[in-house]
Amino acid sequence: MTNPFDQLVEMTRALGDPARDYAIIGEGNTSMRLDAESFAVKASGHQLHEIGADGFVSLRMTPILALLDDPPATLSEEKARTQAAVLDGRDGLNASVEASFHAMLLHECGARYIGHTHPTAVNQLLCSEYAADFARQRRFPDEVVLCGPQSALVPYVDPGLPLALEMRKVVRAYQEQQSEAPKLILLVNHGLIALGQTPTEVLNITAMAVKAARIYHGALLTGAPTHLPADEVEHIYRRPDEIYRRRLFVQK
């Protein structure tokens, strides 16, 4: 019988592969919805490229979501409430400090898998004055197809619950504007988050975001980067043949 964590482990190791330059040392985290009431998230301190199934913590969803609606007064209270939500408690294993935003995105965006990384190519833009333009404009068709018509852009906020609260506000605004959840969330001075229905979709979105960042870098070297007109972006994103391709890209 297949271990439900196998795909999560495989995706996480791929995102942490040093050759991809998406994350190093303890950077990044991933998660997976287990069922309607629970999810698994990377444990704090584990490295993506060498993680195993024992490097994840399973949590009840409702208590973690409650942290956003009723924020604890202190960090120690937040940690205690998070620990109380653990389903498979093991000594010395703590959920990632970002567990709250993983729970929020799995719940509010309907994602099944999430990959959060810090690719060098993308962060070169997110740590610059070009972050907003990179997030809100698209430059080539497959960026539209894989990453959506825009990326949600979250300003820099302290990691943990403060970031989850700001991210929820940005994601809800995006959903109201686009009538769907974002596929790609960019965090200023921080990194990216890819949301998918399968590990393959998360990997594809991440790879395309990195390619888009490299293209942007090259365009900067030749002058001001251009972008596709908004009506063309919408046309590409809604084309039946591109919707068909996008569905195939989700599959493994």
Protein backbone atom coordinates (compact mmCIF):
# COMPACT_ATOMS: atom_id res chain seq x y z
CA MET A 1 0.00 0.00 0.00
CA THR A 2 1.34 3.44 -0.97
CA ASN A 3 2.28 5.71 1.91
CA PRO A 4 0.29 8.96 1.55
CA PHE A 5 3.46 10.86 2.44
CA ASP A 6 5.48 9.42 -0.45
CA GLN A 7 4.40 12.07 -2.96
CA LEU A 8 4.88 14.87 -0.43
CA VAL A 9 8.39 13.64 0.36
CA GLU A 10 9.25 13.33 -3.35
CA MET A 11 7.95 16.85 -4.10
CA THR A 12 9.77 18.34 -1.14
CA ARG A 13 13.09 16.74 -2.04
CA ALA A 14 12.72 17.96 -5.63
CA LEU A 15 12.08 21.51 -4.45
CA GLY A 16 15.16 21.27 -2.24
CA ASP A 17 17.45 19.78 -4.89
CA PRO A 18 20.59 21.99 -4.74
CA ALA A 19 20.84 21.95 -8.54
CA ARG A 20 17.51 23.82 -8.80
CA ASP A 21 18.65 26.61 -6.46
CA TYR A 22 15.20 27.00 -4.91
CA ALA A 23 16.25 26.60 -1.25
CA ILE A 24 19.35 25.82 0.81
CA ILE A 25 20.06 24.66 4.36
CA GLY A 26 16.81 25.09 6.38
CA GLU A 27 14.95 27.30 3.90
CA GLY A 28 11.43 26.56 2.67
CA ASN A 29 8.58 24.34 3.72
CA THR A 30 5.84 22.22 2.18
CA SER A 31 2.45 20.86 3.14
CA MET A 32 -0.30 18.49 2.04
CA ARG A 33 -3.97 18.20 2.93
CA LEU A 34 -4.61 14.81 4.53
CA ASP A 35 -8.41 15.07 4.72
CA ALA A 36 -11.08 17.67 5.46
CA GLU A 37 -9.90 18.03 9.05
CA SER A 38 -6.13 17.68 8.95
CA PHE A 39 -2.92 18.45 7.08
CA ALA A 40 0.78 17.65 7.19
CA VAL A 41 3.50 20.31 7.20
CA LYS A 42 7.27 20.16 7.26
CA ALA A 43 8.79 20.06 10.72
CA SER A 44 11.01 22.92 11.78
CA GLY A 45 14.72 22.47 11.15
CA HIS A 46 14.52 19.79 8.48
CA GLN A 47 16.19 20.39 5.11
CA LEU A 48 14.04 19.95 2.02
CA HIS A 49 16.50 17.97 -0.09
CA GLU A 50 17.01 15.13 2.41
CA ILE A 51 13.66 14.96 4.20
CA GLY A 52 11.77 11.74 4.89
CA ALA A 53 8.22 11.02 6.00
CA ASP A 54 9.37 11.44 9.59
CA GLY A 55 10.21 15.08 8.82
CA PHE A 56 6.55 16.12 8.73
CA VAL A 57 4.03 16.90 11.46
CA SER A 58 0.31 16.19 11.11
CA LEU A 59 -2.03 18.83 12.56
CA ARG A 60 -5.74 19.32 13.05
CA MET A 61 -6.88 22.11 10.74
CA THR A 62 -9.50 23.86 12.89
CA PRO A 63 -7.26 24.84 15.84
CA ILE A 64 -4.63 26.27 13.50
CA LEU A 65 -7.22 28.30 11.58
CA ALA A 66 -8.52 29.55 14.93
CA LEU A 67 -5.14 31.19 15.55
CA LEU A 68 -5.92 33.63 12.72
CA ASP A 69 -9.40 34.50 14.00
CA ASP A 70 -8.34 34.69 17.64
CA PRO A 71 -4.60 35.53 17.66
CA PRO A 72 -2.78 34.55 20.86
CA ALA A 73 -1.34 37.32 23.00
CA THR A 74 2.14 35.81 23.13
CA LEU A 75 4.42 33.65 21.02
CA SER A 76 4.55 31.04 23.77
CA GLU A 77 0.75 30.78 23.71
CA GLU A 78 0.83 30.42 19.92
CA LYS A 79 3.35 27.59 20.18
CA ALA A 80 1.29 25.88 22.89
CA ARG A 81 -1.90 26.05 20.82
CA THR A 82 -0.08 24.78 17.76
CA GLN A 83 1.42 21.89 19.70
CA ALA A 84 -2.03 21.01 21.06
CA ALA A 85 -3.22 20.55 17.47
CA VAL A 86 -0.56 17.94 16.66
CA LEU A 87 -1.96 14.53 15.76
CA ASP A 88 1.24 12.49 15.78
CA GLY A 89 3.21 14.02 18.61
CA ARG A 90 6.85 12.96 18.71
CA ASP A 91 9.44 14.30 21.09
CA GLY A 92 11.62 17.05 19.64
CA LEU A 93 9.50 17.54 16.49
CA ASN A 94 7.84 20.94 16.02
CA ALA A 95 5.72 22.14 13.13
CA SER A 96 7.17 24.84 10.89
CA VAL A 97 6.61 28.38 12.12
CA GLU A 98 4.67 28.83 8.86
CA ALA A 99 2.07 26.15 9.70
CA SER A 100 -0.59 28.85 10.06
CA PHE A 101 -0.29 30.13 6.49
CA HIS A 102 -0.24 26.57 5.15
CA ALA A 103 -3.50 25.80 6.96
CA MET A 104 -5.06 29.05 5.73
CA LEU A 105 -4.09 28.44 2.08
CA LEU A 106 -5.17 24.79 2.08
CA HIS A 107 -8.50 25.86 3.54
CA GLU A 108 -9.26 29.10 1.68
CA CYS A 109 -7.70 28.34 -1.70
CA GLY A 110 -8.71 24.71 -2.09
CA ALA A 111 -5.11 23.60 -2.64
CA ARG A 112 -4.03 20.04 -1.87
CA TYR A 113 -0.26 20.63 -1.98
CA ILE A 114 1.83 23.71 -1.21
CA GLY A 115 5.49 24.42 -1.86
CA HIS A 116 7.21 27.44 -0.31
CA THR A 117 10.75 28.15 -1.51
CA HIS A 118 13.28 30.99 -1.83
CA PRO A 119 14.67 30.71 -5.40
CA THR A 120 17.64 33.00 -5.99
CA ALA A 121 16.35 34.12 -9.40
CA VAL A 122 12.96 35.12 -7.99
CA ASN A 123 14.32 36.74 -4.84
CA GLN A 124 16.61 38.95 -6.91
CA LEU A 125 13.40 40.62 -8.08
CA LEU A 126 11.48 40.38 -4.81
CA CYS A 127 14.38 42.16 -3.10
CA SER A 128 14.23 45.01 -5.64
CA GLU A 129 11.97 47.81 -6.83
CA TYR A 130 10.67 45.49 -9.57
CA ALA A 131 8.74 43.13 -7.27
CA ALA A 132 5.28 44.56 -7.96
CA ASP A 133 5.77 44.67 -11.74
CA PHE A 134 7.03 41.08 -11.75
CA ALA A 135 3.97 39.95 -9.76
CA ARG A 136 1.27 41.84 -11.62
CA GLN A 137 2.40 41.58 -15.24
CA ARG A 138 2.97 38.59 -17.49
CA ARG A 139 5.58 38.49 -20.23
CA PHE A 140 5.00 35.23 -22.16
CA PRO A 141 2.14 32.76 -22.70
CA ASP A 142 3.28 29.77 -20.66
CA GLU A 143 3.81 32.02 -17.65
CA VAL A 144 0.11 32.85 -17.94
CA VAL A 145 -0.91 29.22 -18.40
CA LEU A 146 1.05 27.86 -15.41
CA CYS A 147 1.21 30.78 -12.98
CA GLY A 148 -2.15 32.45 -13.66
CA PRO A 149 -3.01 35.94 -14.91
CA GLN A 150 -1.26 37.56 -11.95
CA SER A 151 0.58 36.57 -8.79
CA ALA A 152 -0.66 37.62 -5.37
CA LEU A 153 1.94 39.94 -3.82
CA VAL A 154 2.41 40.01 -0.05
CA PRO A 155 4.50 42.80 1.52
CA TYR A 156 7.26 41.81 3.93
CA VAL A 157 5.84 40.74 7.28
CA ASP A 158 7.47 38.89 10.16
CA PRO A 159 7.24 35.10 9.50
CA GLY A 160 4.69 33.09 11.43
CA LEU A 161 1.20 34.24 12.38
CA PRO A 162 1.71 37.91 11.32
CA LEU A 163 2.58 36.68 7.82
CA ALA A 164 -0.42 34.34 7.73
CA LEU A 165 -2.77 37.19 8.67
CA GLU A 166 -1.38 39.54 6.00
CA MET A 167 -1.39 36.74 3.44
CA ARG A 168 -5.03 35.95 4.14
CA LYS A 169 -5.95 39.58 3.50
CA VAL A 170 -4.04 39.62 0.20
CA VAL A 171 -5.41 36.25 -0.93
CA ARG A 172 -9.00 37.27 -0.23
CA ALA A 173 -8.52 40.48 -2.21
CA TYR A 174 -7.05 38.46 -5.09
CA GLN A 175 -9.97 36.03 -5.04
CA GLU A 176 -12.45 38.90 -5.11
CA GLN A 177 -10.68 40.47 -8.08
CA GLN A 178 -9.92 37.31 -10.09
CA SER A 179 -12.86 35.11 -8.97
CA GLU A 180 -10.41 32.30 -8.20
CA ALA A 181 -7.52 31.53 -5.89
CA PRO A 182 -3.97 32.46 -6.89
CA LYS A 183 -1.65 29.78 -8.20
CA LEU A 184 1.45 31.73 -7.23
CA ILE A 185 2.02 33.97 -4.21
CA LEU A 186 5.12 36.17 -4.08
CA LEU A 187 6.45 37.41 -0.75
CA VAL A 188 8.46 40.64 -0.89
CA ASN A 189 12.03 40.16 0.41
CA HIS A 190 11.20 36.55 1.16
CA GLY A 191 10.24 33.99 -1.51
CA LEU A 192 7.37 32.30 -3.33
CA ILE A 193 4.50 29.92 -2.64
CA ALA A 194 3.08 27.59 -5.30
CA LEU A 195 -0.39 26.12 -4.76
CA GLY A 196 -1.44 22.96 -6.57
CA GLN A 197 -3.77 19.99 -6.71
CA THR A 198 -0.82 17.65 -7.23
CA PRO A 199 2.90 17.69 -6.47
CA THR A 200 3.51 18.00 -10.22
CA GLU A 201 1.51 21.21 -10.39
CA VAL A 202 3.48 22.73 -7.51
CA LEU A 203 6.77 21.80 -9.18
CA ASN A 204 5.62 23.15 -12.55
CA ILE A 205 4.44 26.48 -11.14
CA THR A 206 7.68 26.92 -9.22
CA ALA A 207 9.81 26.09 -12.26
CA MET A 208 7.86 28.49 -14.48
CA ALA A 209 8.11 31.29 -11.90
CA VAL A 210 11.88 30.83 -11.84
CA LYS A 211 12.03 30.88 -15.65
CA ALA A 212 9.90 34.05 -15.67
CA ALA A 213 12.31 35.68 -13.21
CA ARG A 214 15.30 34.80 -15.37
CA ILE A 215 13.58 36.23 -18.44
CA TYR A 216 12.84 39.41 -16.50
CA HIS A 217 16.52 39.67 -15.52
CA GLY A 218 17.54 39.34 -19.15
CA ALA A 219 14.99 41.93 -20.26
CA LEU A 220 16.38 44.37 -17.71
CA LEU A 221 19.82 44.00 -19.27
CA THR A 222 18.47 45.04 -22.66
CA GLY A 223 16.24 47.87 -21.41
CA ALA A 224 12.83 48.16 -19.75
CA PRO A 225 10.97 44.80 -19.68
CA THR A 226 7.78 44.69 -21.74
CA HIS A 227 4.67 42.73 -20.84
CA LEU A 228 1.63 41.19 -22.48
CA PRO A 229 -1.46 43.45 -22.63
CA ALA A 230 -4.09 42.63 -20.00
CA ASP A 231 -6.68 41.59 -22.58
CA GLU A 232 -4.17 39.21 -24.19
CA VAL A 233 -3.35 37.68 -20.81
CA GLU A 234 -7.04 37.07 -20.17
CA HIS A 235 -7.46 35.61 -23.67
CA ILE A 236 -4.54 33.19 -23.20
CA TYR A 237 -5.67 32.13 -19.74
CA ARG A 238 -9.24 31.38 -20.89
CA ARG A 239 -8.47 29.75 -24.25
CA PRO A 240 -9.95 26.21 -24.36
CA ASP A 241 -6.74 24.70 -25.72
CA GLU A 242 -4.68 26.32 -22.95
CA ILE A 243 -7.16 25.15 -20.30
CA TYR A 244 -6.74 21.64 -21.72
CA ARG A 245 -2.93 21.93 -21.55
CA ARG A 246 -3.10 23.29 -18.00
CA ARG A 247 -5.17 20.28 -16.88
CA LEU A 248 -2.62 17.92 -18.42
CA PHE A 249 0.21 19.74 -16.63
CA VAL A 250 -1.46 19.02 -13.27
CA GLN A 251 -1.24 15.29 -13.84
CA LYS A 252 1.82 13.31 -12.94
